[in-house]
Amino acid sequence: MKKKTLLLYLIISSTFLLMAQNNRVEGKIIKDFGETFNVENPEVATDTNATLKVIFDVSKSPEDTSKINSYIVTAARFLNMHADAGMDISQLKVALTIHGGAWKDILTDDEYFKKYGTKNPNTQLIKQLNDAGVDIILCGQTANFRNVSRLEANPDVKFALSAMTALLQYQNNGYQFIKF
């Protein structure tokens, strides 16, 4: 009986895994990051005529310094899934505030290596996001608290007085806030 149950479990698991893989969609905007899934006939349809403005607040980072920050990847996934739904990049306005524990994810490869013994796994993601028009904003208060200079920060990152200031200003300009 246990063998039959195990076999049934393996068959069902494999089926769901294959279905999930078949629904995966590679990024149209951010090619190397932010893979999404195809959703057939959603009841809440995407308004492909709208302009979507979002600011993601990123304050966490993985404990394993060799791992990419999945919260930053969210911006790539947001762009890619909406492009796949039929929206143009000009309709997608995206920004990220980086503060708290996520400060290290914006360091240059050299600075990251000095601190953690490996290149920054977020460098290519940050470059591709910047190239797609995403504003990546480091909290100036966090930068000063952590002694991060502009030379130590990825050149694709902008500094703000604070994450709070950037969040307020972007929201005043119509961006919707999403916290991670």
Protein backbone atom coordinates (compact mmCIF):
# COMPACT_ATOMS: atom_id res chain seq x y z
CA MET A 1 0.00 0.00 0.00
CA LYS A 2 2.83 2.40 0.85
CA LYS A 3 4.46 1.82 -2.55
CA LYS A 4 1.20 2.60 -4.36
CA THR A 5 0.68 5.75 -2.30
CA LEU A 6 4.25 6.87 -2.95
CA LEU A 7 3.91 6.15 -6.67
CA LEU A 8 0.63 8.09 -6.83
CA TYR A 9 2.24 11.00 -4.98
CA LEU A 10 5.20 11.02 -7.40
CA ILE A 11 2.92 10.97 -10.44
CA ILE A 12 0.77 13.83 -9.13
CA SER A 13 3.80 15.87 -8.08
CA SER A 14 5.47 15.37 -11.45
CA THR A 15 2.30 16.39 -13.26
CA PHE A 16 2.00 19.64 -11.27
CA LEU A 17 5.71 20.34 -11.76
CA LEU A 18 5.44 19.85 -15.52
CA MET A 19 2.31 22.01 -15.65
CA ALA A 20 4.08 24.77 -13.71
CA GLN A 21 7.11 24.57 -16.00
CA ASN A 22 4.89 24.78 -19.08
CA ASN A 23 3.24 27.93 -17.68
CA ARG A 24 6.57 29.70 -17.03
CA VAL A 25 7.21 32.81 -19.06
CA GLU A 26 10.66 34.28 -19.59
CA GLY A 27 11.02 38.01 -19.15
CA LYS A 28 10.24 40.33 -22.05
CA ILE A 29 11.72 43.39 -20.33
CA ILE A 30 14.18 42.00 -17.79
CA LYS A 31 15.53 38.99 -19.66
CA ASP A 32 17.60 37.28 -16.99
CA PHE A 33 15.39 37.83 -13.93
CA GLY A 34 11.75 37.88 -12.93
CA GLU A 35 10.38 34.80 -14.61
CA THR A 36 6.59 34.67 -14.31
CA PHE A 37 3.75 32.24 -14.87
CA ASN A 38 1.02 32.43 -17.47
CA VAL A 39 -2.44 32.80 -15.91
CA GLU A 40 -5.23 31.67 -18.23
CA ASN A 41 -8.48 33.66 -18.18
CA PRO A 42 -8.12 35.55 -14.88
CA GLU A 43 -11.38 36.83 -13.42
CA VAL A 44 -9.67 40.13 -12.61
CA ALA A 45 -8.50 41.21 -16.04
CA THR A 46 -5.41 43.37 -16.44
CA ASP A 47 -6.25 46.84 -17.73
CA THR A 48 -3.70 47.00 -20.53
CA ASN A 49 -4.67 50.61 -21.27
CA ALA A 50 -3.67 51.85 -17.81
CA THR A 51 -0.40 53.31 -16.62
CA LEU A 52 0.82 51.47 -13.56
CA LYS A 53 3.05 53.35 -11.11
CA VAL A 54 4.50 51.40 -8.21
CA ILE A 55 7.20 51.90 -5.62
CA PHE A 56 8.47 48.79 -3.85
CA ASP A 57 9.97 49.23 -0.39
CA VAL A 58 12.82 46.77 0.16
CA SER A 59 14.30 46.50 3.62
CA LYS A 60 15.26 42.81 3.84
CA SER A 61 18.03 40.76 2.33
CA PRO A 62 18.86 37.06 2.37
CA GLU A 63 21.17 35.90 5.13
CA ASP A 64 23.21 33.99 2.54
CA THR A 65 25.28 36.76 0.91
CA SER A 66 25.76 34.68 -2.25
CA LYS A 67 21.99 34.76 -2.93
CA ILE A 68 20.17 37.38 -4.95
CA ASN A 69 17.62 39.52 -3.13
CA SER A 70 14.24 38.10 -4.17
CA TYR A 71 12.52 41.31 -3.08
CA ILE A 72 14.48 43.24 -5.72
CA VAL A 73 13.60 40.54 -8.26
CA THR A 74 9.95 41.46 -7.62
CA ALA A 75 10.41 44.63 -9.68
CA ALA A 76 11.63 42.53 -12.63
CA ARG A 77 8.70 40.15 -12.22
CA PHE A 78 6.27 43.09 -12.11
CA LEU A 79 7.63 44.46 -15.38
CA ASN A 80 7.78 41.08 -17.11
CA MET A 81 4.31 39.86 -16.17
CA HIS A 82 2.66 43.10 -17.29
CA ALA A 83 4.62 43.12 -20.56
CA ASP A 84 3.48 39.55 -21.14
CA ALA A 85 -0.10 40.66 -20.45
CA GLY A 86 0.21 43.13 -23.32
CA MET A 87 1.40 46.32 -21.65
CA ASP A 88 4.17 48.47 -23.08
CA ILE A 89 7.15 49.42 -20.93
CA SER A 90 6.09 53.07 -21.28
CA GLN A 91 2.97 52.21 -19.24
CA LEU A 92 5.01 50.77 -16.35
CA LYS A 93 6.62 53.19 -13.91
CA VAL A 94 8.63 51.37 -11.24
CA ALA A 95 10.82 52.47 -8.36
CA LEU A 96 12.48 50.72 -5.41
CA THR A 97 13.55 52.16 -2.09
CA ILE A 98 16.40 50.26 -0.48
CA HIS A 99 17.05 50.59 3.24
CA GLY A 100 17.44 48.59 6.43
CA GLY A 101 19.05 45.18 5.90
CA ALA A 102 18.94 45.49 2.10
CA TRP A 103 21.66 48.17 2.07
CA LYS A 104 24.37 45.66 1.21
CA ASP A 105 22.60 44.58 -1.98
CA ILE A 106 23.46 47.88 -3.71
CA LEU A 107 27.22 47.76 -3.10
CA THR A 108 29.66 47.58 -6.01
CA ASP A 109 31.16 44.15 -6.67
CA ASP A 110 34.50 45.30 -5.20
CA GLU A 111 32.95 46.57 -1.96
CA TYR A 112 30.73 43.52 -1.65
CA PHE A 113 33.73 41.24 -2.13
CA LYS A 114 35.67 43.09 0.57
CA LYS A 115 32.83 42.53 3.04
CA TYR A 116 31.51 39.11 2.03
CA GLY A 117 34.17 37.36 -0.08
CA THR A 118 31.98 37.10 -3.17
CA LYS A 119 30.76 39.36 -5.96
CA ASN A 120 27.41 41.07 -5.40
CA PRO A 121 24.78 38.69 -6.77
CA ASN A 122 22.44 41.65 -7.39
CA THR A 123 24.69 43.65 -9.73
CA GLN A 124 23.30 42.37 -13.04
CA LEU A 125 19.71 42.59 -11.80
CA ILE A 126 20.22 46.21 -10.72
CA LYS A 127 21.79 47.04 -14.10
CA GLN A 128 18.94 45.48 -16.06
CA LEU A 129 16.34 47.21 -13.89
CA ASN A 130 18.09 50.55 -14.32
CA ASP A 131 18.35 50.01 -18.08
CA ALA A 132 14.56 49.42 -18.10
CA GLY A 133 13.96 52.78 -16.40
CA VAL A 134 13.46 51.58 -12.83
CA ASP A 135 14.52 54.10 -10.17
CA ILE A 136 16.58 52.27 -7.53
CA ILE A 137 16.84 54.55 -4.53
CA LEU A 138 19.07 54.10 -1.50
CA CYS A 139 18.00 55.67 1.76
CA GLY A 140 20.60 58.33 2.56
CA GLN A 141 20.09 57.75 6.27
CA THR A 142 20.90 54.04 5.87
CA ALA A 143 23.87 54.87 3.66
CA ASN A 144 25.31 57.21 6.26
CA PHE A 145 24.58 54.86 9.16
CA ARG A 146 26.34 52.03 7.27
CA ASN A 147 29.15 54.32 6.00
CA VAL A 148 28.32 53.64 2.35
CA SER A 149 29.69 56.32 0.05
CA ARG A 150 28.53 56.96 -3.50
CA LEU A 151 31.77 55.36 -4.71
CA GLU A 152 30.94 52.16 -2.81
CA ALA A 153 27.38 52.04 -4.12
CA ASN A 154 26.39 50.63 -7.47
CA PRO A 155 26.41 53.55 -9.96
CA ASP A 156 22.86 52.64 -11.06
CA VAL A 157 21.55 53.54 -7.60
CA LYS A 158 20.27 57.00 -6.66
CA PHE A 159 20.59 58.47 -3.17
CA ALA A 160 17.68 60.14 -1.37
CA LEU A 161 17.56 62.05 1.89
CA SER A 162 15.74 59.02 3.29
CA ALA A 163 13.58 56.12 2.20
CA MET A 164 10.68 57.85 3.93
CA THR A 165 11.20 60.98 1.84
CA ALA A 166 11.44 59.06 -1.42
CA LEU A 167 8.35 56.99 -0.56
CA LEU A 168 6.30 60.09 0.21
CA GLN A 169 7.44 61.99 -2.86
CA TYR A 170 6.79 59.08 -5.23
CA GLN A 171 3.38 58.44 -3.68
CA ASN A 172 2.57 62.14 -4.06
CA ASN A 173 3.33 61.63 -7.75
CA GLY A 174 0.84 58.78 -8.08
CA TYR A 175 3.01 55.75 -7.31
CA GLN A 176 1.35 53.01 -5.27
CA PHE A 177 3.30 51.66 -2.30
CA ILE A 178 4.13 47.97 -1.94
CA LYS A 179 6.15 46.89 1.11
CA PHE A 180 8.50 43.90 1.25
